[in-house]
Amino acid sequence: GKAFPAGARAIGPDGCKHCPQRLVLIMEKLKPAERTVAELKRAKMKGKYNMARAREILVGCAFESGGNYIVHRDCLIAATGLSQHVITTAHHAAIRASGAPLVKKSKTYVVKNNLLDRVVVPEIFPGSRAAYMKSLSDGDLVEITQWKIGAHGLSDRPGNKTMIAQRQHFKSFVQSNRASTGRTKDRTGRYHGAVYTLDPRIETIKHDPKKPRSSALTTSFQDQLKASFPELKVPSETAIRLWFNEFYGQHDDEHTVIAPHKTDYCGVCAYVKNELASAKKTLERHRQQHDQGELTRQLAIKEVEDDITALQDKLDEHKVAADRACKAYKERVAGAHDAYRTLSDAWERWMRAPASRRVVGWRHRR
């Protein structure tokens, strides 16, 4: 390979002290990626390696499980002779394979919070990270990793605070313990409320010591994780609450809230009443705007009024059906109670009778 770059030589008088031994192993593993004689004849670009095979091998040997470099990038480029684009593409593939969550933030946010080392440069961009950031305007969005991807991974694992597996199990736990509210997006793409509600047994997010652990989201998940995956570290309640806000907060297609809790309440009544309250607030906000004379505002008000009328009709119809069902249930229960009391009295009379006068049913029929 080539001589180590000046940036690497600056680490020590004899060159980079961190990378040489690891680079020897990487070069050994890269031998299967060398071009064959036939490939050298057909290749339009000169180079020692078949780029596709080299990229695939690098993902497995030049990065640790968190997607971090195990050597300096410049040292890797100098030793292998591969282009910066190939190395960067392999780095992106390693990040994706590690499961590191990516989020989009504006360039201004990234610069202000000093997150340049977390920026993921698109594979189609040929330049460096600095050149990529320089080419963007302040409002452009860039992808960054949610945890820091360092210069090289000395621990051979992602940071302790990431808890990748626990986060995925938490998502599965919430998704299996919630139900849709039935809301749909309006013309502007908003839901105007929660899209899902948690199982009614989950009464709070944070655990109340006076109540069972199963009544809180945090402790329910902790207990399930401990029982199903004892080898994983159990996250704190604070971490779980932060995850819940991150994954299922407001203004999102996954917006999830605690179910409305009342003593002996009907789920349909509670849902329709919540919808009615939300619709009435929306109507009130519309009527407070200054553009009442415009057609768009009038149509919006008419749409909300129609929704309120439909919800009220639905609630009235449901109450009629519920009253009919309750009446039938009470009649059946009342009859069952009378029948049970008759049988119970007969059993007590039979038990009180002398043994000589007791008649067993099948003998009597015989």
Protein backbone atom coordinates (compact mmCIF):
# COMPACT_ATOMS: atom_id res chain seq x y z
CA GLY A 1 0.00 0.00 0.00
CA LYS A 2 0.89 3.69 0.04
CA ALA A 3 2.74 5.51 2.80
CA PHE A 4 0.59 6.63 5.73
CA PRO A 5 -0.84 10.14 5.36
CA ALA A 6 0.61 13.12 7.16
CA GLY A 7 -2.36 13.23 9.51
CA ALA A 8 -1.54 9.74 10.71
CA ARG A 9 2.23 10.35 10.99
CA ALA A 10 1.48 13.26 13.31
CA ILE A 11 0.34 10.78 15.95
CA GLY A 12 3.88 9.59 16.56
CA PRO A 13 7.40 10.03 15.16
CA ASP A 14 7.33 6.63 13.44
CA GLY A 15 3.86 6.97 12.00
CA CYS A 16 0.46 5.91 13.34
CA LYS A 17 0.84 3.72 16.42
CA HIS A 18 -2.77 2.56 16.47
CA CYS A 19 -3.42 1.26 12.96
CA PRO A 20 -0.47 -0.79 11.48
CA GLN A 21 -1.16 -4.12 13.23
CA ARG A 22 -4.86 -3.97 12.50
CA LEU A 23 -4.22 -2.94 8.90
CA VAL A 24 -2.11 -6.09 8.37
CA LEU A 25 -5.14 -8.21 9.31
CA ILE A 26 -7.45 -6.14 7.13
CA MET A 27 -5.10 -6.49 4.13
CA GLU A 28 -5.02 -10.26 4.62
CA LYS A 29 -8.81 -10.43 4.61
CA LEU A 30 -8.97 -8.24 1.49
CA LYS A 31 -7.03 -10.74 -0.65
CA PRO A 32 -10.20 -12.47 -1.95
CA ALA A 33 -11.31 -9.05 -3.26
CA GLU A 34 -8.29 -8.70 -5.59
CA ARG A 35 -9.21 -8.60 -9.27
CA THR A 36 -8.73 -11.75 -11.32
CA VAL A 37 -6.85 -11.69 -14.62
CA ALA A 38 -10.14 -11.67 -16.53
CA GLU A 39 -11.45 -8.81 -14.40
CA LEU A 40 -8.27 -6.82 -14.97
CA LYS A 41 -8.76 -7.14 -18.73
CA ARG A 42 -12.40 -6.07 -18.57
CA ALA A 43 -12.01 -3.36 -15.93
CA LYS A 44 -12.53 0.16 -17.20
CA MET A 45 -10.89 1.65 -14.11
CA LYS A 46 -7.49 0.65 -12.84
CA GLY A 47 -7.26 -0.75 -9.36
CA LYS A 48 -6.11 -3.74 -7.37
CA TYR A 49 -9.50 -4.67 -5.94
CA ASN A 50 -12.95 -5.53 -7.19
CA MET A 51 -14.92 -2.72 -5.54
CA ALA A 52 -18.06 -4.72 -4.74
CA ARG A 53 -16.14 -7.54 -3.04
CA ALA A 54 -13.82 -5.12 -1.25
CA ARG A 55 -16.73 -3.11 0.11
CA GLU A 56 -18.46 -6.24 1.40
CA ILE A 57 -15.28 -7.50 3.12
CA LEU A 58 -14.52 -4.09 4.64
CA VAL A 59 -17.93 -3.97 6.30
CA GLY A 60 -17.05 -7.12 8.21
CA CYS A 61 -13.41 -6.40 9.11
CA ALA A 62 -12.75 -2.62 9.14
CA PHE A 63 -15.58 -1.64 11.50
CA GLU A 64 -16.74 -2.80 14.91
CA SER A 65 -20.28 -3.80 15.84
CA GLY A 66 -21.39 -0.21 16.46
CA GLY A 67 -20.36 0.90 12.96
CA ASN A 68 -17.16 2.65 14.14
CA TYR A 69 -13.82 2.49 12.35
CA ILE A 70 -11.26 0.22 14.04
CA VAL A 71 -8.50 2.18 12.25
CA HIS A 72 -8.21 5.76 11.07
CA ARG A 73 -10.02 6.35 7.81
CA ASP A 74 -7.03 8.05 6.18
CA CYS A 75 -4.77 5.16 7.22
CA LEU A 76 -7.26 2.70 5.68
CA ILE A 77 -7.38 4.67 2.41
CA ALA A 78 -3.60 4.92 2.24
CA ALA A 79 -2.98 1.24 3.00
CA THR A 80 -5.61 -0.25 0.66
CA GLY A 81 -5.45 2.26 -2.17
CA LEU A 82 -9.23 2.33 -2.26
CA SER A 83 -11.03 5.59 -2.92
CA GLN A 84 -12.63 7.68 -0.21
CA HIS A 85 -16.01 6.97 -1.80
CA VAL A 86 -15.61 3.19 -1.42
CA ILE A 87 -14.49 3.49 2.21
CA THR A 88 -17.33 5.90 3.04
CA THR A 89 -19.90 3.62 1.38
CA ALA A 90 -18.62 0.68 3.43
CA HIS A 91 -18.86 2.83 6.58
CA HIS A 92 -22.51 3.64 5.81
CA ALA A 93 -23.24 -0.05 5.28
CA ALA A 94 -21.60 -0.86 8.64
CA ILE A 95 -23.72 1.80 10.37
CA ARG A 96 -26.89 0.36 8.85
CA ALA A 97 -25.88 -3.18 9.81
CA SER A 98 -25.28 -2.07 13.41
CA GLY A 99 -28.88 -0.86 13.73
CA ALA A 100 -27.81 2.65 14.73
CA PRO A 101 -30.92 4.88 14.50
CA LEU A 102 -30.62 7.77 12.03
CA VAL A 103 -32.50 11.04 12.46
CA LYS A 104 -32.78 14.08 10.23
CA LYS A 105 -31.75 17.49 11.52
CA SER A 106 -31.09 20.84 9.86
CA LYS A 107 -27.56 21.95 9.09
CA THR A 108 -27.98 24.86 11.52
CA TYR A 109 -28.94 22.46 14.33
CA VAL A 110 -25.96 20.19 13.60
CA VAL A 111 -23.45 23.04 13.56
CA LYS A 112 -24.92 24.75 16.62
CA ASN A 113 -24.81 21.54 18.70
CA ASN A 114 -21.38 20.46 17.40
CA LEU A 115 -22.67 17.21 15.87
CA LEU A 116 -20.51 17.24 12.74
CA ASP A 117 -18.88 13.92 13.67
CA ARG A 118 -22.30 12.23 13.55
CA VAL A 119 -23.23 13.39 10.04
CA VAL A 120 -23.74 10.55 7.53
CA VAL A 121 -22.63 11.68 4.06
CA PRO A 122 -24.87 10.34 1.24
CA GLU A 123 -23.26 7.60 -0.82
CA ILE A 124 -23.78 9.57 -4.04
CA PHE A 125 -21.73 12.53 -2.72
CA PRO A 126 -18.11 12.10 -3.86
CA GLY A 127 -16.43 14.46 -1.39
CA SER A 128 -15.58 14.50 2.29
CA ARG A 129 -17.91 15.28 5.20
CA ALA A 130 -16.61 18.85 5.36
CA ALA A 131 -17.23 19.36 1.64
CA TYR A 132 -20.71 17.88 1.98
CA MET A 133 -21.63 20.23 4.83
CA LYS A 134 -20.19 23.19 2.93
CA SER A 135 -22.40 22.40 -0.06
CA LEU A 136 -25.60 22.63 2.01
CA SER A 137 -27.66 25.67 2.92
CA ASP A 138 -28.52 26.35 6.56
CA GLY A 139 -32.04 24.95 6.30
CA ASP A 140 -31.15 21.70 4.53
CA LEU A 141 -31.71 18.45 6.42
CA VAL A 142 -28.88 15.98 7.01
CA GLU A 143 -28.88 12.50 8.51
CA ILE A 144 -27.05 12.02 11.80
CA THR A 145 -26.67 9.00 14.07
CA GLN A 146 -28.45 9.20 17.41
CA TRP A 147 -25.27 8.26 19.24
CA LYS A 148 -21.72 9.30 18.55
CA ILE A 149 -19.78 7.34 15.93
CA GLY A 150 -16.16 7.77 16.98
CA ALA A 151 -12.91 7.79 14.98
CA HIS A 152 -12.30 4.13 15.88
CA GLY A 153 -14.11 1.63 18.07
CA LEU A 154 -11.88 0.60 20.96
CA SER A 155 -14.64 -1.09 22.96
CA ASP A 156 -15.93 -3.24 20.05
CA ARG A 157 -19.52 -2.47 21.07
CA PRO A 158 -21.97 0.44 20.97
CA GLY A 159 -22.14 2.75 23.97
CA ASN A 160 -23.85 1.52 27.12
CA LYS A 161 -26.47 4.27 26.90
CA THR A 162 -27.78 3.23 23.48
CA MET A 163 -29.54 -0.01 24.56
CA ILE A 164 -30.44 -0.92 20.98
CA ALA A 165 -32.10 -4.24 21.83
CA GLN A 166 -34.04 -2.77 24.76
CA ARG A 167 -35.39 0.05 22.59
CA GLN A 168 -36.63 -2.43 19.99
CA HIS A 169 -38.26 -4.59 22.66
CA PHE A 170 -39.93 -1.48 24.08
CA LYS A 171 -41.40 -0.64 20.67
CA SER A 172 -42.76 -4.18 20.36
CA PHE A 173 -44.17 -4.01 23.90
CA VAL A 174 -46.08 -0.77 23.24
CA GLN A 175 -47.34 -1.90 19.84
CA SER A 176 -48.71 -5.14 21.31
CA ASN A 177 -50.43 -3.30 24.18
CA ARG A 178 -52.36 -0.58 22.38
CA ALA A 179 -55.41 -0.16 20.18
CA SER A 180 -56.33 2.30 17.43
CA THR A 181 -58.61 5.21 18.27
CA GLY A 182 -60.02 5.18 14.73
CA ARG A 183 -58.83 8.70 13.94
CA THR A 184 -57.89 9.54 10.37
CA LYS A 185 -55.91 12.41 8.92
CA ASP A 186 -57.67 15.58 7.90
CA ARG A 187 -56.96 17.53 4.70
CA THR A 188 -53.81 19.03 6.20
CA GLY A 189 -52.40 15.64 7.22
CA ARG A 190 -53.06 16.04 10.98
CA TYR A 191 -54.84 13.62 13.28
CA HIS A 192 -56.11 16.16 15.86
CA GLY A 193 -55.43 13.80 18.76
CA ALA A 194 -53.92 10.46 19.64
CA VAL A 195 -53.85 7.71 17.03
CA TYR A 196 -53.58 4.90 19.60
CA THR A 197 -54.46 4.34 23.27
CA LEU A 198 -52.66 1.94 25.59
CA ASP A 199 -54.31 -1.11 27.12
CA PRO A 200 -56.78 0.01 29.85
CA ARG A 201 -54.85 -1.96 32.49
CA ILE A 202 -51.99 0.54 32.04
CA GLU A 203 -53.20 3.50 34.08
CA THR A 204 -50.02 5.64 34.27
CA ILE A 205 -46.65 6.07 32.59
CA LYS A 206 -44.66 6.33 35.83
CA HIS A 207 -45.14 3.77 38.59
CA ASP A 208 -47.12 4.70 41.69
CA PRO A 209 -45.78 2.71 44.72
CA LYS A 210 -49.34 2.39 46.05
CA LYS A 211 -50.49 0.52 42.94
CA PRO A 212 -49.43 -2.77 41.29
CA ARG A 213 -46.39 -2.65 39.00
CA SER A 214 -48.55 -3.87 36.12
CA SER A 215 -50.59 -0.63 36.26
CA ALA A 216 -47.66 1.49 35.00
CA LEU A 217 -46.06 1.41 31.56
CA THR A 218 -42.48 1.68 32.85
CA THR A 219 -42.61 -1.11 35.42
CA SER A 220 -44.72 -3.38 33.17
CA PHE A 221 -42.05 -3.21 30.50
CA GLN A 222 -39.25 -3.69 33.05
CA ASP A 223 -40.88 -6.85 34.43
CA GLN A 224 -41.55 -8.30 30.97
CA LEU A 225 -38.01 -7.56 29.76
CA LYS A 226 -36.52 -9.13 32.90
CA ALA A 227 -38.64 -12.27 32.45
CA SER A 228 -38.16 -12.67 28.69
CA PHE A 229 -34.58 -11.45 28.28
CA PRO A 230 -32.71 -11.85 31.60
CA GLU A 231 -29.36 -11.29 29.89
CA LEU A 232 -30.27 -7.68 28.96
CA LYS A 233 -29.76 -4.73 31.25
CA VAL A 234 -33.09 -3.35 32.51
CA PRO A 235 -33.48 0.36 31.62
CA SER A 236 -34.53 2.89 34.24
CA GLU A 237 -38.01 4.37 34.42
CA THR A 238 -36.60 7.72 33.27
CA ALA A 239 -35.11 6.13 30.13
CA ILE A 240 -38.40 4.37 29.33
CA ARG A 241 -40.37 7.61 29.70
CA LEU A 242 -37.93 9.34 27.35
CA TRP A 243 -38.30 6.52 24.82
CA PHE A 244 -42.09 6.76 25.03
CA ASN A 245 -41.98 10.50 24.29
CA GLU A 246 -39.44 9.95 21.50
CA PHE A 247 -41.30 7.17 19.69
CA TYR A 248 -44.93 7.94 20.51
CA GLY A 249 -45.08 11.68 21.24
CA GLN A 250 -47.42 14.23 19.72
CA HIS A 251 -47.63 15.27 16.05
CA ASP A 252 -46.71 11.79 14.83
CA ASP A 253 -48.43 8.87 13.12
CA GLU A 254 -47.55 6.76 16.18
CA HIS A 255 -48.98 9.19 18.77
CA THR A 256 -50.05 7.01 21.73
CA VAL A 257 -51.64 8.04 25.04
CA ILE A 258 -53.02 6.48 28.19
CA ALA A 259 -56.59 5.19 27.73
CA PRO A 260 -59.33 7.22 29.50
CA HIS A 261 -59.99 5.55 32.85
CA LYS A 262 -63.35 5.72 34.62
CA THR A 263 -65.14 3.39 36.99
CA ASP A 264 -67.44 1.02 35.05
CA TYR A 265 -67.23 3.05 31.86
CA CYS A 266 -68.15 2.09 28.31
CA GLY A 267 -65.29 2.24 25.84
CA VAL A 268 -67.50 3.47 22.98
CA CYS A 269 -69.04 6.22 25.11
CA ALA A 270 -65.63 7.35 26.35
CA TYR A 271 -64.20 7.40 22.81
CA VAL A 272 -67.14 9.33 21.29
CA LYS A 273 -67.20 11.82 24.18
CA ASN A 274 -63.49 12.49 23.75
CA GLU A 275 -64.00 13.00 20.04
CA LEU A 276 -66.88 15.36 20.70
CA ALA A 277 -64.82 17.41 23.15
CA SER A 278 -61.97 17.62 20.66
CA ALA A 279 -64.29 18.61 17.80
CA LYS A 280 -65.95 21.32 19.90
CA LYS A 281 -62.56 22.80 20.78
CA THR A 282 -61.61 22.75 17.11
CA LEU A 283 -64.85 24.54 16.22
CA GLU A 284 -64.20 27.14 18.91
CA ARG A 285 -60.72 27.82 17.52
CA HIS A 286 -62.09 28.17 13.99
CA ARG A 287 -64.68 30.72 15.15
CA GLN A 288 -61.99 32.79 16.88
CA GLN A 289 -60.12 33.43 13.63
CA HIS A 290 -60.38 36.78 11.87
CA ASP A 291 -61.07 35.40 8.35
CA GLN A 292 -64.66 34.33 8.95
CA GLY A 293 -65.77 35.75 5.62
CA GLU A 294 -63.46 33.55 3.55
CA LEU A 295 -64.83 30.43 1.88
CA THR A 296 -62.02 28.18 3.19
CA ARG A 297 -62.79 29.05 6.79
CA GLN A 298 -66.54 28.63 6.28
CA LEU A 299 -66.02 25.19 4.73
CA ALA A 300 -63.77 24.17 7.63
CA ILE A 301 -66.39 25.27 10.16
CA LYS A 302 -69.13 23.44 8.23
CA GLU A 303 -66.98 20.26 8.17
CA VAL A 304 -66.42 20.35 11.95
CA GLU A 305 -70.13 21.05 12.62
CA ASP A 306 -71.06 18.05 10.48
CA ASP A 307 -68.57 15.92 12.44
CA ILE A 308 -70.12 17.06 15.74
CA THR A 309 -73.63 16.25 14.51
CA ALA A 310 -72.51 12.80 13.30
CA LEU A 311 -70.75 12.05 16.60
CA GLN A 312 -73.77 13.15 18.63
CA ASP A 313 -76.07 10.96 16.51
CA LYS A 314 -73.67 8.04 16.95
CA LEU A 315 -73.63 8.54 20.72
CA ASP A 316 -77.44 8.71 20.90
CA GLU A 317 -77.82 5.54 18.80
CA HIS A 318 -75.24 3.76 20.93
CA LYS A 319 -77.01 4.73 24.15
CA VAL A 320 -80.31 3.35 22.86
CA ALA A 321 -78.66 0.06 21.89
CA ALA A 322 -76.73 -0.04 25.18
CA ASP A 323 -79.92 0.52 27.21
CA ARG A 324 -81.60 -2.32 25.34
CA ALA A 325 -78.61 -4.61 25.94
CA CYS A 326 -78.43 -3.67 29.63
CA LYS A 327 -82.14 -4.38 30.08
CA ALA A 328 -81.84 -7.81 28.46
CA TYR A 329 -78.78 -8.59 30.56
CA LYS A 330 -80.52 -7.63 33.80
CA GLU A 331 -83.53 -9.76 32.93
CA ARG A 332 -81.34 -12.78 32.24
CA VAL A 333 -79.27 -12.24 35.36
CA ALA A 334 -82.39 -11.83 37.47
CA GLY A 335 -83.80 -15.13 36.14
CA ALA A 336 -80.47 -16.86 36.71
CA HIS A 337 -80.39 -15.65 40.29
CA ASP A 338 -83.92 -17.00 40.95
CA ALA A 339 -83.07 -20.36 39.40
CA TYR A 340 -79.87 -20.63 41.40
CA ARG A 341 -81.69 -19.73 44.63
CA THR A 342 -84.28 -22.45 43.98
CA LEU A 343 -81.59 -25.09 43.45
CA SER A 344 -79.61 -23.86 46.45
CA ASP A 345 -82.66 -24.08 48.74
CA ALA A 346 -83.45 -27.59 47.51
CA TRP A 347 -79.85 -28.67 48.17
CA GLU A 348 -79.93 -27.27 51.70
CA ARG A 349 -83.23 -29.08 52.44
CA TRP A 350 -81.78 -32.32 51.15
CA MET A 351 -78.66 -31.95 53.31
CA ARG A 352 -80.74 -31.23 56.44
CA ALA A 353 -82.97 -34.26 55.95
CA PRO A 354 -82.15 -37.50 57.83
CA ALA A 355 -80.06 -39.99 55.89
CA SER A 356 -82.97 -42.46 55.67
CA ARG A 357 -85.11 -39.91 53.90
CA ARG A 358 -82.50 -38.73 51.40
CA VAL A 359 -83.27 -39.88 47.91
CA VAL A 360 -80.50 -39.90 45.30
CA GLY A 361 -81.79 -38.76 41.95
CA TRP A 362 -80.85 -41.74 39.84
CA ARG A 363 -82.19 -44.24 42.40
CA HIS A 364 -85.48 -42.34 42.53
CA ARG A 365 -85.83 -42.53 38.76
CA ARG A 366 -85.05 -46.23 38.80
